[in-house]
Structure formats: C-alpha cells, structure tokens
Amino acid sequence: MTEQRRVLLLAHPGRARARDVACQLVDALSGHGIRVRLLPDEAEALGLADNEHVHLAGAGDPSADCELVVVIGGDGTILRAAELAHESGTPLLGVNLGHVGFLAEAEYEDVSSTIDAIVERRYTAEDRLTIDVSVFRDGELVTRTFALNEASVEKAARERMLEVVVEVDGRPLSRWGCDGVVCATPTGSTAYNFSAGGPVVWPGVEALLMVPISAHALFARPLVVAPTSVLAVEVIAPAEAAGVLWCDGRRTVDLPRGARIEVRRGERPVRLVRLHEAPFTDRLVAKFGLSVEGWRGASERRRRGEDGA
C-alpha cells in the first residue's frame, strides 16, 4: 500500500504573494499525490477553502502525521509555525516573502525548485536549540512556555527603567537599571539579540545568550554561557514600573515586582528544513548584504603562491 504523504501549509494571509504561492504549492503537491492541509481560517483568508485539493485541519494538532510544515511568509510566520508544531516536532520549511527572512530556506523566486525538493524528498532537517521559560510569582510557577529565538524581559512603561537582578547558575551576577534583558538562542542571535548589541552565534554552537538593553551599570555586557546553564531575571522595580515578558515576540506575560523568570535549554528542539549545504557565513553575507569585495580565499592565494607554502 502506498504511503499517504501529507504537508501542512501555513501562510501569511496579509501578504499579496502568499495566495499565489499557496495556490502553486497546493496544485503542484496534490498533483504528485501529496495531501495538503490548511488551517480553516487561513484557507478562507487565502480563498482556498473551496479548493478540491485542500484538506482542512480538524481539532487537535494540525501538524500531526505531516512530514513537513511549509511556511509562506517571513520570520514571524515561521515563529508562529514553530509554536504550532512544537509538540509534534514536524520540520519547518520556510518560503520567504519578508525582508531578511533568516529562518527561511527558500525565496519567493525558488518556489518551483522547492516543490521539486519536497516531491523528491531532497531535503534534510536540523535541530535548533530552544529555551524553556518559567515565570514565578511569590515562589509559585504561574507560566511555562518556550522560545526558538528569544525570551525578553522588558519595561512596561516607556518613561521608567526596569530594575532587575540577573543570575547565572543559581548565583547573582549583577543588578541593572535597564530597558530590558534578552535571553536568546544561537538561532535568535541574528534577531532581537543582534539589535540589542549581542554577538552573532553560529547555529551549530550550543550556548545560551543574555544581553542587557540600554543598561545603566558598570558591568552590562552580553554574556554567552553553557547550554547547561540556567539564566534568571528577577524584577525588583516598584510595582508601577513592572515589566512584561515576550517570547519570540508572540506570547506575553505581565511581570509585577518580585516576578522571577528562569530560562534553560528547551526539552524539545525545533527542526528546520535545509535544501542546501551552504555555510552559515554565506547566509549572513546574503541576508545582511555584507560587502566581501577584495576577498580571494585560501585556494586563490595558494594558486598565486602567496601563503608561504
């Protein structure tokens, strides 16, 4: 009996190109016997609810029993997909319709080749480290969630600073008056962490990052710690200057004075699909438009006899 292949298709309905790409994927994949599943509200928004080749997701995990989640949009849409598929661990394949699109593997112009790769199973999936985030109030656990990119503790009122004490591995490190604190993964190092002045960390490096945002303190530098470490942020500001926790810019938790946020390596990684074996360096150059003019490389230097060999 032939195996029934299934993919879940997620799209950003607000992007003009999303419907065109979605229709192209639905027609091509269904033509190769791959069942395409959509969320009912997205199918309606994309005008695909009545498409005979579209199967609407029912109750429960829509990514269950799917081999891929194909995501049409920018990094925000991929983060939404990561949240949806976190329990199942279904790999995510992003088709970028946004600007930078660090998490996406394919661009809008590559849709045809992306379809071929899906049909022929010419792709691999790599695990990306996540963080598990716990929020405590008066010693009681009130919220537990996760993040692929980062968890950020931020001030709730623009006119007031947030007073926090940060901790690593159960020991206090420093007290900061700041706009916030970012706790990031290597995958998230090119997102909010990067904007806050944190280092870019290659995805193959297992580490956790902590970066203060506009901190007024003598010791307020980005930190890179072991993946086994536990980071904590305690809010000590007056109640009127309470903060808010953001996870991947999607989920929020209000943080009153005394709230404690603990961040540790996630139990479940997020799996991202790769179609190419290009080094992360090339991705940085392409996504950020970095100038590499004048580079000749080791092979060219050896050819010219300039490396002293």
Protein backbone atom coordinates (compact mmCIF):
# COMPACT_ATOMS: atom_id res chain seq x y z
CA MET A 1 0.00 0.00 0.00
CA THR A 2 1.38 3.40 -0.98
CA GLU A 3 2.19 5.73 1.89
CA GLN A 4 -0.04 8.81 2.03
CA ARG A 5 2.21 11.84 2.22
CA ARG A 6 0.92 14.97 3.95
CA VAL A 7 2.18 18.51 4.46
CA LEU A 8 0.68 21.32 6.48
CA LEU A 9 0.70 24.65 4.67
CA LEU A 10 0.82 27.87 6.70
CA ALA A 11 0.77 31.28 5.07
CA HIS A 12 0.68 34.96 5.95
CA PRO A 13 -2.71 35.99 4.50
CA GLY A 14 -1.76 39.67 4.65
CA ARG A 15 0.98 39.31 2.04
CA ALA A 16 -0.11 39.75 -1.56
CA ARG A 17 2.13 36.98 -2.87
CA ALA A 18 1.04 34.46 -0.24
CA ARG A 19 -2.08 33.35 -2.12
CA ASP A 20 -0.20 32.90 -5.41
CA VAL A 21 2.50 30.80 -3.76
CA ALA A 22 -0.08 28.83 -1.77
CA CYS A 23 -2.08 28.02 -4.91
CA GLN A 24 1.07 26.96 -6.73
CA LEU A 25 2.08 24.66 -3.88
CA VAL A 26 -1.39 23.15 -3.50
CA ASP A 27 -1.72 22.39 -7.21
CA ALA A 28 1.79 21.00 -7.64
CA LEU A 29 1.97 18.91 -4.47
CA SER A 30 -1.53 17.46 -4.84
CA GLY A 31 -0.63 16.60 -8.44
CA HIS A 32 2.12 14.39 -7.03
CA GLY A 33 -0.22 12.68 -4.59
CA ILE A 34 0.78 14.74 -1.55
CA ARG A 35 -2.15 15.79 0.58
CA VAL A 36 -2.06 19.49 1.51
CA ARG A 37 -3.64 20.55 4.80
CA LEU A 38 -4.54 24.14 5.77
CA LEU A 39 -5.98 25.75 8.87
CA PRO A 40 -9.64 26.59 8.20
CA ASP A 41 -9.28 30.34 8.84
CA GLU A 42 -6.20 30.61 6.64
CA ALA A 43 -7.83 28.63 3.85
CA GLU A 44 -10.75 31.08 3.98
CA ALA A 45 -8.47 34.14 4.03
CA LEU A 46 -6.45 32.82 1.10
CA GLY A 47 -9.57 31.96 -0.90
CA LEU A 48 -8.71 28.25 -0.87
CA ALA A 49 -11.46 26.91 1.38
CA ASP A 50 -13.36 25.52 -1.61
CA ASN A 51 -10.31 24.18 -3.44
CA GLU A 52 -10.88 20.47 -4.04
CA HIS A 53 -7.23 19.69 -3.31
CA VAL A 54 -7.19 21.41 0.09
CA HIS A 55 -7.87 19.41 3.24
CA LEU A 56 -8.90 21.46 6.27
CA ALA A 57 -7.27 20.74 9.61
CA GLY A 58 -9.58 19.46 12.30
CA ALA A 59 -9.33 19.63 16.07
CA GLY A 60 -6.03 18.78 17.71
CA ASP A 61 -2.50 19.25 16.41
CA PRO A 62 -2.77 20.20 12.70
CA SER A 63 0.86 19.19 12.07
CA ALA A 64 0.42 15.66 13.43
CA ASP A 65 1.18 12.93 10.83
CA CYS A 66 2.62 15.54 8.41
CA GLU A 67 6.15 15.17 7.04
CA LEU A 68 6.61 18.93 6.72
CA VAL A 69 5.11 22.26 7.65
CA VAL A 70 5.62 24.52 4.62
CA VAL A 71 5.54 28.14 5.76
CA ILE A 72 4.91 31.04 3.37
CA GLY A 73 5.87 34.39 4.86
CA GLY A 74 8.64 35.96 6.90
CA ASP A 75 10.35 35.00 10.14
CA GLY A 76 7.26 35.98 12.14
CA THR A 77 5.16 33.42 10.27
CA ILE A 78 7.84 30.77 10.81
CA LEU A 79 7.88 31.53 14.55
CA ARG A 80 4.12 31.04 14.56
CA ALA A 81 4.62 27.71 12.82
CA ALA A 82 7.28 26.74 15.36
CA GLU A 83 4.77 27.37 18.14
CA LEU A 84 2.11 25.32 16.39
CA ALA A 85 4.39 22.35 15.58
CA HIS A 86 6.40 22.37 18.80
CA GLU A 87 4.72 19.32 20.29
CA SER A 88 4.85 17.18 17.14
CA GLY A 89 8.40 18.15 16.16
CA THR A 90 7.39 18.33 12.49
CA PRO A 91 10.16 20.02 10.43
CA LEU A 92 9.51 23.55 9.14
CA LEU A 93 10.35 24.66 5.59
CA GLY A 94 10.14 28.41 5.14
CA VAL A 95 9.50 30.20 1.83
CA ASN A 96 10.46 33.81 2.46
CA LEU A 97 8.10 36.61 1.46
CA GLY A 98 9.51 39.04 4.01
CA HIS A 99 12.66 41.12 4.09
CA VAL A 100 15.62 39.43 5.81
CA GLY A 101 13.99 36.05 6.48
CA PHE A 102 16.83 34.40 8.40
CA LEU A 103 14.77 31.34 9.30
CA ALA A 104 13.51 30.71 5.77
CA GLU A 105 15.33 28.31 3.48
CA ALA A 106 13.83 29.33 0.14
CA GLU A 107 12.95 32.62 -1.51
CA TYR A 108 9.83 33.56 -3.47
CA GLU A 109 11.68 33.06 -6.74
CA ASP A 110 12.67 29.48 -5.75
CA VAL A 111 9.16 28.04 -5.42
CA SER A 112 9.46 25.65 -8.39
CA SER A 113 12.74 24.14 -7.19
CA THR A 114 11.36 23.98 -3.64
CA ILE A 115 8.38 21.97 -4.87
CA ASP A 116 10.72 19.58 -6.67
CA ALA A 117 12.78 19.14 -3.49
CA ILE A 118 9.66 18.32 -1.46
CA VAL A 119 8.34 15.85 -4.03
CA GLU A 120 11.70 14.10 -4.36
CA ARG A 121 12.47 14.35 -0.62
CA ARG A 122 15.71 16.20 -1.37
CA TYR A 123 15.97 17.94 1.97
CA THR A 124 17.39 17.45 5.44
CA ALA A 125 16.21 18.66 8.83
CA GLU A 126 18.45 20.12 11.51
CA ASP A 127 17.61 20.52 15.17
CA ARG A 128 17.73 24.05 16.55
CA LEU A 129 18.19 24.62 20.26
CA THR A 130 15.20 26.19 22.03
CA ILE A 131 14.73 27.63 25.50
CA ASP A 132 12.15 26.71 28.11
CA VAL A 133 10.91 29.73 30.05
CA SER A 134 9.30 29.62 33.51
CA VAL A 135 7.72 32.55 35.37
CA PHE A 136 7.34 32.51 39.14
CA ARG A 137 5.42 34.85 41.44
CA ASP A 138 5.94 34.52 45.19
CA GLY A 139 7.73 31.26 44.55
CA GLU A 140 4.80 29.76 42.65
CA LEU A 141 5.08 28.71 38.99
CA VAL A 142 2.46 30.67 37.05
CA THR A 143 3.54 30.27 33.42
CA ARG A 144 5.70 27.92 31.41
CA THR A 145 6.41 28.36 27.70
CA PHE A 146 9.24 28.09 25.18
CA ALA A 147 11.03 30.16 22.54
CA LEU A 148 13.03 29.46 19.41
CA ASN A 149 14.61 32.91 19.14
CA GLU A 150 14.44 34.65 22.49
CA ALA A 151 12.68 35.49 25.71
CA SER A 152 12.89 39.20 26.55
CA VAL A 153 12.05 40.87 29.84
CA GLU A 154 11.11 44.47 29.05
CA LYS A 155 9.84 47.52 30.86
CA ALA A 156 6.11 48.07 30.61
CA ALA A 157 6.21 51.87 30.86
CA ARG A 158 8.30 53.82 28.39
CA GLU A 159 9.14 56.61 30.85
CA ARG A 160 10.51 54.30 33.56
CA MET A 161 13.51 51.99 33.69
CA LEU A 162 13.21 48.40 34.79
CA GLU A 163 15.26 47.34 37.81
CA VAL A 164 16.39 43.72 37.65
CA VAL A 165 18.91 41.38 39.21
CA VAL A 166 20.32 38.78 36.81
CA GLU A 167 21.54 35.37 37.87
CA VAL A 168 23.54 32.58 36.27
CA ASP A 169 23.56 29.03 37.63
CA GLY A 170 21.94 29.96 40.90
CA ARG A 171 24.29 32.84 41.73
CA PRO A 172 23.55 36.59 41.41
CA LEU A 173 25.67 38.33 38.79
CA SER A 174 24.64 41.99 38.60
CA ARG A 175 21.84 44.48 39.14
CA TRP A 176 20.78 46.53 36.15
CA GLY A 177 18.58 49.55 35.65
CA CYS A 178 17.66 48.95 32.03
CA ASP A 179 15.07 48.86 29.29
CA GLY A 180 15.13 45.08 29.42
CA VAL A 181 17.09 41.85 29.15
CA VAL A 182 17.19 39.45 26.18
CA CYS A 183 17.82 35.74 26.72
CA ALA A 184 18.46 34.21 23.31
CA THR A 185 19.43 31.05 21.47
CA PRO A 186 22.06 30.85 18.72
CA THR A 187 19.19 30.80 16.21
CA GLY A 188 17.88 34.02 17.75
CA SER A 189 21.29 35.67 17.82
CA THR A 190 20.54 37.39 14.49
CA ALA A 191 17.16 38.67 15.71
CA TYR A 192 16.42 40.82 18.79
CA ASN A 193 19.76 39.80 20.33
CA PHE A 194 21.56 41.31 17.33
CA SER A 195 19.60 44.57 17.55
CA ALA A 196 20.42 44.80 21.27
CA GLY A 197 24.16 44.54 20.57
CA GLY A 198 24.63 40.85 21.28
CA PRO A 199 27.01 38.57 19.36
CA VAL A 200 26.14 36.54 16.28
CA VAL A 201 26.47 32.86 17.23
CA TRP A 202 26.65 30.12 14.60
CA PRO A 203 23.66 27.74 14.85
CA GLY A 204 25.96 24.75 15.39
CA VAL A 205 27.20 26.26 18.67
CA GLU A 206 25.26 25.13 21.71
CA ALA A 207 25.00 28.08 24.07
CA LEU A 208 22.61 30.49 25.77
CA LEU A 209 22.93 34.27 25.48
CA MET A 210 21.98 37.08 27.86
CA VAL A 211 22.07 40.68 26.62
CA PRO A 212 21.03 43.81 28.56
CA ILE A 213 19.09 46.50 26.73
CA SER A 214 20.28 50.06 27.43
CA ALA A 215 21.54 49.14 30.89
CA HIS A 216 22.87 51.76 33.32
CA ALA A 217 25.53 49.68 35.06
CA LEU A 218 29.29 49.25 35.18
CA PHE A 219 29.07 45.58 34.24
CA ALA A 220 26.49 45.29 31.48
CA ARG A 221 27.97 43.27 28.67
CA PRO A 222 26.49 40.49 26.53
CA LEU A 223 27.05 37.07 28.07
CA VAL A 224 27.46 33.67 26.38
CA VAL A 225 27.05 30.73 28.75
CA ALA A 226 26.96 26.94 28.53
CA PRO A 227 23.81 25.25 27.25
CA THR A 228 23.55 23.52 30.64
CA SER A 229 23.40 26.85 32.48
CA VAL A 230 20.23 28.34 33.92
CA LEU A 231 19.65 32.07 33.45
CA ALA A 232 17.33 34.01 35.73
CA VAL A 233 16.00 37.56 35.84
CA GLU A 234 14.28 38.93 38.95
CA VAL A 235 12.16 42.08 38.69
CA ILE A 236 12.84 44.31 41.69
CA ALA A 237 11.41 47.60 40.40
CA PRO A 238 8.45 49.27 42.16
CA ALA A 239 5.07 47.95 41.15
CA GLU A 240 4.35 50.95 38.96
CA ALA A 241 7.40 50.13 36.84
CA ALA A 242 6.57 46.49 36.29
CA GLY A 243 7.69 44.63 33.20
CA VAL A 244 6.46 42.26 30.55
CA LEU A 245 7.88 39.01 29.22
CA TRP A 246 7.86 38.46 25.45
CA CYS A 247 8.62 35.05 23.95
CA ASP A 248 9.51 35.15 20.25
CA GLY A 249 7.55 38.39 20.06
CA ARG A 250 4.34 36.36 20.19
CA ARG A 251 3.43 35.39 23.75
CA THR A 252 3.38 37.85 26.65
CA VAL A 253 3.22 37.61 30.44
CA ASP A 254 2.85 40.59 32.78
CA LEU A 255 5.64 40.81 35.35
CA PRO A 256 4.92 42.55 38.66
CA ARG A 257 7.59 43.37 41.20
CA GLY A 258 9.08 40.18 42.60
CA ALA A 259 8.49 38.14 39.45
CA ARG A 260 11.26 35.68 38.61
CA ILE A 261 11.95 34.40 35.10
CA GLU A 262 14.07 31.30 34.60
CA VAL A 263 15.49 30.31 31.21
CA ARG A 264 17.09 26.98 30.43
CA ARG A 265 17.74 24.79 27.42
CA GLY A 266 14.49 23.53 25.94
CA GLU A 267 13.47 19.89 26.18
CA ARG A 268 12.31 19.90 22.56
CA PRO A 269 14.29 21.40 19.68
CA VAL A 270 12.64 22.96 16.65
CA ARG A 271 13.51 21.25 13.36
CA LEU A 272 14.27 23.47 10.37
CA VAL A 273 14.47 22.08 6.85
CA ARG A 274 17.58 22.68 4.79
CA LEU A 275 17.60 22.40 0.99
CA HIS A 276 21.21 23.47 0.55
CA GLU A 277 24.50 22.84 2.31
CA ALA A 278 25.61 26.47 2.16
CA PRO A 279 27.67 27.58 5.19
CA PHE A 280 26.11 29.93 7.72
CA THR A 281 28.72 32.51 6.69
CA ASP A 282 27.17 32.67 3.23
CA ARG A 283 23.72 33.11 4.79
CA LEU A 284 24.99 36.06 6.84
CA VAL A 285 26.52 37.70 3.77
CA ALA A 286 23.36 37.20 1.71
CA LYS A 287 20.79 38.18 4.33
CA PHE A 288 22.64 41.26 5.62
CA GLY A 289 24.05 42.29 2.23
CA LEU A 290 27.60 42.30 3.61
CA SER A 291 30.45 43.50 1.41
CA VAL A 292 33.15 40.89 0.75
CA GLU A 293 34.80 42.77 -2.09
CA GLY A 294 38.51 42.01 -2.37
CA TRP A 295 38.32 38.52 -0.86
CA ARG A 296 40.29 35.94 -2.84
CA GLY A 297 40.22 32.99 -0.45
CA ALA A 298 42.86 30.46 0.57
CA SER A 299 42.70 28.48 -2.69
CA GLU A 300 43.41 31.61 -4.76
CA ARG A 301 46.31 32.60 -2.52
CA ARG A 302 47.77 29.11 -2.79
CA ARG A 303 47.47 29.27 -6.56
CA ARG A 304 49.40 32.52 -6.56
CA GLY A 305 51.97 31.21 -4.07
CA GLU A 306 51.14 33.94 -1.55
CA ASP A 307 50.59 31.82 1.54
CA GLY A 308 54.26 30.97 2.15
CA ALA A 309 53.83 27.28 1.29
